[in-house]
Amino acid sequence: MRPRVKICGITNLEDALAAVRAGADALGFVFYEKSPRFVTPEAAAKIAAKIPPFVERVGLFVNEEPKTVDAICEEAGMGLAQIHFEVDERYLKALKTKALPVVRAKSPEDVHRFSGRFRLVDAYCEAYGGMGKRLNLAWFEGADCERIVIAGGLRPDNVAEVLPYGFYGVDVSSGVEAARGKKEAAKMEAFVGAVKGGM
């Protein structure tokens, strides 16, 4: 089965609808004010309301309490919370919103964190997300990739390299941008096409 595709860092309705037309399975909205892709809950709610059914809406959070995550997800119409900072199982269980923990991997061992859960594995960097840094694919040899969404430095011209590993999903942000916070429709189409092979 081909991986699901999440396009993250959506900031406007035009990009959201272009991502859906390209075949994205999920759209990511960044609720982290220091990000150039930050969007307010109010703006995200207006966009989310116009996204067709069966496309997942994902809110990305950094250093927020569970009750804040839940409140923003409810206000913005998010179905999934991507927790992009160091948390434990207790934090995840405190959330009412379904959660996708993020592992910011520094070593091969990190790939196996939250192994009982679906999780997103990204390359570690000091900033949070969208830096285009790639992971060492050798770290995933022997891992159960069916529960992993891989992120970090993916683009239309290199995403095919991760397909043999059987990841549940692939996540792209900067790799399909015309500029920070602005997507490019042709790049999104090429990315999804490379993953789904014209399916």
Protein backbone atom coordinates (compact mmCIF):
# COMPACT_ATOMS: atom_id res chain seq x y z
CA MET A 1 0.00 0.00 0.00
CA ARG A 2 1.29 3.46 -0.88
CA PRO A 3 1.95 5.86 2.03
CA ARG A 4 -0.52 8.55 3.00
CA VAL A 5 0.62 12.07 2.18
CA LYS A 6 0.47 14.96 4.63
CA ILE A 7 1.24 18.45 3.41
CA CYS A 8 2.13 20.60 6.40
CA GLY A 9 2.41 24.34 6.92
CA ILE A 10 -0.86 25.33 5.24
CA THR A 11 -1.50 29.04 5.77
CA ASN A 12 -4.25 29.92 3.29
CA LEU A 13 -7.30 28.45 1.55
CA GLU A 14 -5.77 28.55 -1.93
CA ASP A 15 -2.90 26.30 -0.87
CA ALA A 16 -5.24 24.01 1.08
CA LEU A 17 -7.49 23.39 -1.90
CA ALA A 18 -4.52 22.97 -4.24
CA ALA A 19 -3.10 20.34 -1.85
CA VAL A 20 -6.43 18.50 -1.83
CA ARG A 21 -6.61 18.60 -5.64
CA ALA A 22 -3.07 17.21 -5.76
CA GLY A 23 -4.26 14.23 -3.72
CA ALA A 24 -3.07 15.00 -0.17
CA ASP A 25 -4.62 12.80 2.52
CA ALA A 26 -3.95 15.27 5.35
CA LEU A 27 -3.21 18.96 5.78
CA GLY A 28 -1.12 20.36 8.62
CA PHE A 29 -1.67 23.70 10.37
CA VAL A 30 1.10 25.12 12.53
CA PHE A 31 -0.06 26.66 15.82
CA TYR A 32 3.44 27.68 16.89
CA GLU A 33 3.87 31.45 16.81
CA LYS A 34 7.62 31.39 16.10
CA SER A 35 7.13 29.49 12.86
CA PRO A 36 6.99 31.33 9.51
CA ARG A 37 4.07 28.99 8.76
CA PHE A 38 2.10 29.99 11.87
CA VAL A 39 -1.65 30.31 11.44
CA THR A 40 -4.16 31.46 14.04
CA PRO A 41 -6.88 29.08 15.19
CA GLU A 42 -9.47 31.45 13.75
CA ALA A 43 -7.85 31.45 10.31
CA ALA A 44 -7.33 27.69 10.39
CA ALA A 45 -10.99 27.15 11.29
CA LYS A 46 -12.11 29.08 8.20
CA ILE A 47 -9.83 27.01 5.99
CA ALA A 48 -10.73 23.71 7.66
CA ALA A 49 -14.44 24.37 7.15
CA LYS A 50 -13.91 24.45 3.38
CA ILE A 51 -11.77 21.32 3.14
CA PRO A 52 -13.75 18.38 1.73
CA PRO A 53 -14.57 15.32 3.84
CA PHE A 54 -12.06 12.48 4.27
CA VAL A 55 -9.09 14.86 4.30
CA GLU A 56 -7.55 14.87 7.80
CA ARG A 57 -6.92 18.22 9.48
CA VAL A 58 -3.82 18.14 11.70
CA GLY A 59 -2.76 20.80 14.19
CA LEU A 60 0.95 21.08 15.01
CA PHE A 61 1.88 22.17 18.53
CA VAL A 62 5.09 23.09 20.35
CA ASN A 63 5.34 23.49 24.14
CA GLU A 64 1.62 23.67 24.91
CA GLU A 65 -0.34 22.13 27.77
CA PRO A 66 -2.83 19.37 26.88
CA LYS A 67 -5.85 21.55 27.69
CA THR A 68 -4.55 24.26 25.33
CA VAL A 69 -4.00 21.73 22.55
CA ASP A 70 -7.53 20.38 23.00
CA ALA A 71 -9.06 23.86 23.05
CA ILE A 72 -7.28 24.99 19.88
CA CYS A 73 -8.10 21.75 18.05
CA GLU A 74 -11.76 22.17 18.91
CA GLU A 75 -11.81 25.81 17.86
CA ALA A 76 -9.89 25.22 14.63
CA GLY A 77 -11.66 22.03 13.57
CA MET A 78 -8.61 19.78 13.83
CA GLY A 79 -9.07 16.02 14.05
CA LEU A 80 -5.50 15.20 15.07
CA ALA A 81 -2.87 16.92 17.22
CA GLN A 82 0.77 16.58 16.13
CA ILE A 83 2.84 16.98 19.29
CA HIS A 84 6.16 18.37 18.06
CA PHE A 85 8.10 18.48 21.32
CA GLU A 86 9.35 16.10 24.01
CA VAL A 87 6.44 14.47 25.83
CA ASP A 88 5.72 11.17 27.58
CA GLU A 89 2.79 8.77 27.59
CA ARG A 90 1.19 10.60 30.51
CA TYR A 91 1.01 13.79 28.46
CA LEU A 92 -0.47 11.96 25.46
CA LYS A 93 -3.09 10.25 27.64
CA ALA A 94 -4.10 13.64 29.09
CA LEU A 95 -5.18 14.81 25.64
CA LYS A 96 -8.80 14.45 24.58
CA THR A 97 -7.76 14.97 20.95
CA LYS A 98 -6.24 12.04 19.08
CA ALA A 99 -2.47 12.60 19.07
CA LEU A 100 0.47 11.94 16.79
CA PRO A 101 3.71 12.24 18.80
CA VAL A 102 6.79 13.46 16.97
CA VAL A 103 10.22 11.90 17.45
CA ARG A 104 13.00 14.35 16.59
CA ALA A 105 15.58 11.66 15.93
CA LYS A 106 19.26 12.12 16.80
CA SER A 107 20.24 8.44 16.69
CA PRO A 108 19.01 5.07 15.34
CA GLU A 109 17.57 4.21 18.75
CA ASP A 110 15.23 7.21 18.62
CA VAL A 111 13.35 5.67 15.69
CA HIS A 112 11.87 3.10 18.08
CA ARG A 113 10.41 5.62 20.55
CA PHE A 114 6.62 5.33 20.90
CA SER A 115 6.89 2.06 18.96
CA GLY A 116 3.43 1.00 20.13
CA ARG A 117 1.90 4.11 18.56
CA PHE A 118 1.60 5.78 15.22
CA ARG A 119 4.20 8.55 15.32
CA LEU A 120 6.01 10.99 13.08
CA VAL A 121 9.80 10.72 12.87
CA ASP A 122 11.68 13.85 11.83
CA ALA A 123 15.33 14.81 11.78
CA TYR A 124 16.44 16.61 14.93
CA CYS A 125 17.22 20.32 14.62
CA GLU A 126 17.21 23.15 17.14
CA ALA A 127 14.25 24.83 15.47
CA TYR A 128 10.91 23.06 15.17
CA GLY A 129 10.02 21.74 11.72
CA GLY A 130 10.38 22.75 8.11
CA MET A 131 14.18 22.96 8.06
CA GLY A 132 14.61 20.44 5.26
CA LYS A 133 17.11 18.27 7.16
CA ARG A 134 17.07 14.62 6.07
CA LEU A 135 17.12 11.46 8.16
CA ASN A 136 19.53 8.57 7.66
CA LEU A 137 17.33 5.90 6.10
CA ALA A 138 19.66 3.17 7.37
CA TRP A 139 18.21 3.88 10.83
CA PHE A 140 14.91 2.35 9.69
CA GLU A 141 16.36 -1.01 8.70
CA GLY A 142 14.43 -3.61 10.70
CA ALA A 143 12.04 -1.06 12.22
CA ASP A 144 8.26 -1.45 12.12
CA CYS A 145 7.67 1.36 9.64
CA GLU A 146 3.96 0.65 9.24
CA ARG A 147 3.30 2.97 12.19
CA ILE A 148 5.75 5.70 11.15
CA VAL A 149 5.13 8.89 9.23
CA ILE A 150 8.52 10.05 7.94
CA ALA A 151 9.42 13.73 7.59
CA GLY A 152 12.52 15.79 7.02
CA GLY A 153 13.94 17.05 3.74
CA LEU A 154 11.48 15.25 1.49
CA ARG A 155 10.90 16.67 -1.99
CA PRO A 156 9.28 15.51 -5.23
CA ASP A 157 12.69 14.39 -6.55
CA ASN A 158 13.73 12.28 -3.54
CA VAL A 159 10.57 10.96 -1.86
CA ALA A 160 10.69 7.77 -3.95
CA GLU A 161 13.76 6.75 -1.91
CA VAL A 162 11.63 6.18 1.21
CA LEU A 163 8.88 4.13 -0.44
CA PRO A 164 10.57 0.69 -0.11
CA TYR A 165 10.52 1.00 3.69
CA GLY A 166 6.74 0.74 3.93
CA PHE A 167 6.11 3.90 5.96
CA TYR A 168 2.52 4.62 6.92
CA GLY A 169 2.88 8.16 5.65
CA VAL A 170 5.16 10.88 4.37
CA ASP A 171 5.10 14.49 5.56
CA VAL A 172 6.30 17.45 3.50
CA SER A 173 6.40 21.18 4.12
CA SER A 174 9.36 23.16 2.77
CA GLY A 175 9.86 20.67 -0.06
CA VAL A 176 6.69 21.86 -1.84
CA GLU A 177 6.97 25.59 -1.16
CA ALA A 178 7.42 28.51 -3.50
CA ALA A 179 8.46 30.57 -0.44
CA ARG A 180 8.22 30.06 3.31
CA GLY A 181 4.55 29.67 4.15
CA LYS A 182 3.42 29.61 0.49
CA LYS A 183 2.97 26.33 -1.34
CA GLU A 184 3.52 25.70 -5.03
CA ALA A 185 0.74 23.68 -6.68
CA ALA A 186 3.01 22.04 -9.25
CA LYS A 187 5.40 20.84 -6.54
CA MET A 188 2.55 19.40 -4.49
CA GLU A 189 1.22 17.57 -7.55
CA ALA A 190 4.68 16.22 -8.34
CA PHE A 191 5.20 15.12 -4.74
CA VAL A 192 1.91 13.27 -4.46
CA GLY A 193 2.43 11.77 -7.90
CA ALA A 194 5.85 10.46 -6.88
CA VAL A 195 4.36 8.82 -3.78
CA LYS A 196 1.15 7.43 -5.21
CA GLY A 197 2.40 6.67 -8.70
CA GLY A 198 -0.62 8.11 -10.47
CA MET A 199 -3.03 5.99 -8.41
